[in-house]
Amino acid sequence: MDEQATSRRGFLTMGLGAAAALIVPNSAEAAVRRLPERHVHLLNTHTGESIRAVYWAKGGYQAKTIAEISRVLRDHRNGQVHPIDPRLLDLMTSVQIKLGAKGPIHIISGYRSPATNAMLASYSDGVATHSLHTEGRAVDIRLPGHSVRNVGCAARSLRAGGVGIYPASNFVHVDTGRVRSW
């Protein structure tokens, strides 16, 4: 076999391996997918509201429960509610399972209205002007008893969206956008 064919085969083998890694879910994500019911326990740190609910059962997401969760994750500055991406709940649940964390996931920021996001972006370079928070596809979380570095590493390992670690502010941003980290 000539050298060109060998390098082509190596390239194809490497590409197939990379594709398989993207398709095969990691153990925490796979564990969530195998659950007969998926539940979440959230605490909004700004409003003090909490919810403990089954959001996926009988083969699908529960619309009424997702609406209740969306209300708890509303923009706490102006009360606006927006539907939360159910995959975000799967992502948070996967992080919690991966870390073996117990108790509620603390929500620092869930949905943000465009007006709130624009106001925050005007004060800080750390707020994206087109944030996924405004689409209900991002949350900033804390897991009591676990460092933000560990939570961030667990979220990154899932390769399910964006992950930002903010140690000075003591939270981790997770979203269902493209895979990236900061």
Protein backbone atom coordinates (compact mmCIF):
# COMPACT_ATOMS: atom_id res chain seq x y z
CA MET A 1 0.00 0.00 0.00
CA ASP A 2 1.36 3.42 -0.86
CA GLU A 3 1.96 6.20 1.67
CA GLN A 4 -0.90 8.36 0.35
CA ALA A 5 -3.46 5.56 0.83
CA THR A 6 -2.15 4.90 4.35
CA SER A 7 -2.43 8.54 5.39
CA ARG A 8 -5.92 8.75 3.86
CA ARG A 9 -7.00 5.65 5.80
CA GLY A 10 -5.56 7.11 9.01
CA PHE A 11 -7.38 10.37 8.40
CA LEU A 12 -10.69 8.56 7.77
CA THR A 13 -10.23 6.35 10.85
CA MET A 14 -9.49 9.39 12.99
CA GLY A 15 -12.53 11.20 11.57
CA LEU A 16 -14.84 8.25 12.25
CA GLY A 17 -13.52 8.01 15.81
CA ALA A 18 -14.20 11.68 16.41
CA ALA A 19 -17.71 11.38 14.98
CA ALA A 20 -18.44 8.38 17.20
CA ALA A 21 -17.32 10.33 20.25
CA LEU A 22 -19.84 13.04 19.39
CA ILE A 23 -22.68 10.57 18.86
CA VAL A 24 -22.15 8.34 21.91
CA PRO A 25 -23.37 10.18 25.01
CA ASN A 26 -21.22 10.16 28.12
CA SER A 27 -22.32 8.18 31.16
CA ALA A 28 -24.16 11.01 32.96
CA GLU A 29 -26.11 12.02 29.86
CA ALA A 30 -26.84 8.37 29.07
CA ALA A 31 -28.02 7.85 32.66
CA VAL A 32 -30.52 10.70 32.31
CA ARG A 33 -31.80 9.30 29.01
CA ARG A 34 -32.42 5.89 30.61
CA LEU A 35 -34.45 7.25 33.51
CA PRO A 36 -38.15 6.30 33.40
CA GLU A 37 -38.82 9.75 34.85
CA ARG A 38 -36.61 12.81 34.93
CA HIS A 39 -36.99 15.16 37.84
CA VAL A 40 -35.41 18.40 38.86
CA HIS A 41 -35.19 20.36 42.09
CA LEU A 42 -34.47 24.06 41.56
CA LEU A 43 -34.17 27.04 43.90
CA ASN A 44 -34.30 30.56 42.49
CA THR A 45 -31.85 32.47 44.71
CA HIS A 46 -33.43 35.85 43.93
CA THR A 47 -37.09 35.03 44.57
CA GLY A 48 -36.68 32.19 47.07
CA GLU A 49 -39.07 30.08 44.99
CA SER A 50 -38.32 26.43 44.49
CA ILE A 51 -39.76 23.62 42.45
CA ARG A 52 -39.29 19.89 42.69
CA ALA A 53 -41.00 18.20 39.77
CA VAL A 54 -40.97 15.40 37.22
CA TYR A 55 -40.43 17.13 33.89
CA TRP A 56 -40.13 14.05 31.66
CA ALA A 57 -42.29 10.93 31.95
CA LYS A 58 -44.10 8.42 29.76
CA GLY A 59 -41.64 9.03 26.94
CA GLY A 60 -41.88 12.82 26.76
CA TYR A 61 -41.46 16.21 28.33
CA GLN A 62 -44.38 17.33 30.50
CA ALA A 63 -45.65 20.64 29.08
CA LYS A 64 -47.45 21.72 32.26
CA THR A 65 -44.36 21.07 34.39
CA ILE A 66 -42.06 22.86 31.92
CA ALA A 67 -44.41 25.87 32.16
CA GLU A 68 -44.20 25.77 35.99
CA ILE A 69 -40.40 25.54 35.83
CA SER A 70 -40.33 28.43 33.34
CA ARG A 71 -42.26 30.53 35.85
CA VAL A 72 -39.69 29.83 38.59
CA LEU A 73 -36.86 30.66 36.14
CA ARG A 74 -38.50 33.91 34.95
CA ASP A 75 -36.70 37.23 34.75
CA HIS A 76 -36.71 38.19 38.43
CA ARG A 77 -36.18 41.86 37.58
CA ASN A 78 -39.46 42.36 35.69
CA GLY A 79 -41.44 39.13 36.10
CA GLN A 80 -41.43 38.18 32.41
CA VAL A 81 -41.79 34.45 31.77
CA HIS A 82 -40.40 32.65 28.71
CA PRO A 83 -40.41 28.91 27.92
CA ILE A 84 -37.26 27.18 29.13
CA ASP A 85 -35.57 24.74 26.75
CA PRO A 86 -36.23 21.25 28.21
CA ARG A 87 -32.74 20.18 27.10
CA LEU A 88 -31.42 22.70 29.63
CA LEU A 89 -33.16 20.69 32.36
CA ASP A 90 -31.52 17.52 31.00
CA LEU A 91 -28.16 19.28 31.05
CA MET A 92 -28.55 20.44 34.67
CA THR A 93 -29.78 16.98 35.70
CA SER A 94 -26.80 15.35 33.97
CA VAL A 95 -24.36 17.64 35.81
CA GLN A 96 -26.04 16.85 39.11
CA ILE A 97 -25.89 13.09 38.46
CA LYS A 98 -22.26 13.27 37.32
CA LEU A 99 -21.28 14.99 40.58
CA GLY A 100 -23.58 12.95 42.80
CA ALA A 101 -24.98 16.25 44.06
CA LYS A 102 -27.99 16.25 46.36
CA GLY A 103 -30.45 19.02 47.09
CA PRO A 104 -31.67 21.80 44.83
CA ILE A 105 -29.73 23.35 42.00
CA HIS A 106 -29.40 27.03 42.84
CA ILE A 107 -30.45 29.26 39.95
CA ILE A 108 -28.61 32.57 39.90
CA SER A 109 -30.06 33.65 36.54
CA GLY A 110 -32.53 31.89 34.26
CA TYR A 111 -34.51 33.65 31.58
CA ARG A 112 -33.62 37.29 30.94
CA SER A 113 -35.86 39.59 28.95
CA PRO A 114 -34.12 41.47 26.14
CA ALA A 115 -34.53 44.70 28.16
CA THR A 116 -32.88 43.19 31.24
CA ASN A 117 -30.10 41.68 29.15
CA ALA A 118 -29.42 45.03 27.43
CA MET A 119 -29.28 46.76 30.81
CA LEU A 120 -26.83 44.17 32.19
CA ALA A 121 -24.71 44.27 29.02
CA SER A 122 -24.40 48.04 29.38
CA TYR A 123 -22.80 47.53 32.81
CA SER A 124 -20.55 44.58 32.05
CA ASP A 125 -18.45 43.20 29.21
CA GLY A 126 -19.23 39.74 30.65
CA VAL A 127 -22.85 39.83 29.41
CA ALA A 128 -23.39 38.85 25.77
CA THR A 129 -25.61 41.23 23.84
CA HIS A 130 -27.33 38.24 22.19
CA SER A 131 -27.34 35.99 25.25
CA LEU A 132 -29.03 32.59 25.17
CA HIS A 133 -30.64 33.64 28.47
CA THR A 134 -33.03 35.73 26.32
CA GLU A 135 -34.13 32.55 24.51
CA GLY A 136 -34.64 30.42 27.63
CA ARG A 137 -31.61 28.35 26.65
CA ALA A 138 -29.17 29.34 29.43
CA VAL A 139 -28.93 29.37 33.20
CA ASP A 140 -26.32 30.39 35.74
CA ILE A 141 -26.16 27.80 38.49
CA ARG A 142 -24.52 26.79 41.73
CA LEU A 143 -24.50 23.34 43.35
CA PRO A 144 -24.01 23.72 47.11
CA GLY A 145 -21.14 21.60 48.36
CA HIS A 146 -19.41 21.60 44.96
CA SER A 147 -16.89 24.13 43.71
CA VAL A 148 -17.68 26.09 40.58
CA ARG A 149 -14.59 24.53 39.00
CA ASN A 150 -15.94 21.01 39.59
CA VAL A 151 -19.41 21.95 38.37
CA GLY A 152 -17.88 23.59 35.29
CA CYS A 153 -15.66 20.59 34.54
CA ALA A 154 -18.64 18.24 34.87
CA ALA A 155 -20.69 20.41 32.52
CA ARG A 156 -17.85 20.68 30.00
CA SER A 157 -17.39 16.92 29.95
CA LEU A 158 -20.99 16.52 28.74
CA ARG A 159 -20.23 18.49 25.56
CA ALA A 160 -23.90 19.50 25.41
CA GLY A 161 -23.54 23.26 25.02
CA GLY A 162 -21.70 26.29 26.33
CA VAL A 163 -20.07 26.38 29.75
CA GLY A 164 -18.62 29.43 31.47
CA ILE A 165 -16.98 29.30 34.89
CA TYR A 166 -17.19 32.43 37.04
CA PRO A 167 -15.27 31.74 40.28
CA ALA A 168 -15.32 35.35 41.48
CA SER A 169 -19.13 35.41 41.20
CA ASN A 170 -19.48 31.79 42.37
CA PHE A 171 -21.58 30.39 39.51
CA VAL A 172 -21.37 28.37 36.32
CA HIS A 173 -23.16 29.33 33.13
CA VAL A 174 -24.57 26.42 31.09
CA ASP A 175 -26.53 26.65 27.86
CA THR A 176 -27.85 24.53 25.01
CA GLY A 177 -26.01 26.46 22.31
CA ARG A 178 -22.95 25.25 20.44
CA VAL A 179 -20.23 23.50 22.45
CA ARG A 180 -17.74 26.06 23.74
CA SER A 181 -16.21 27.11 27.05
CA TRP A 182 -14.71 30.11 28.77
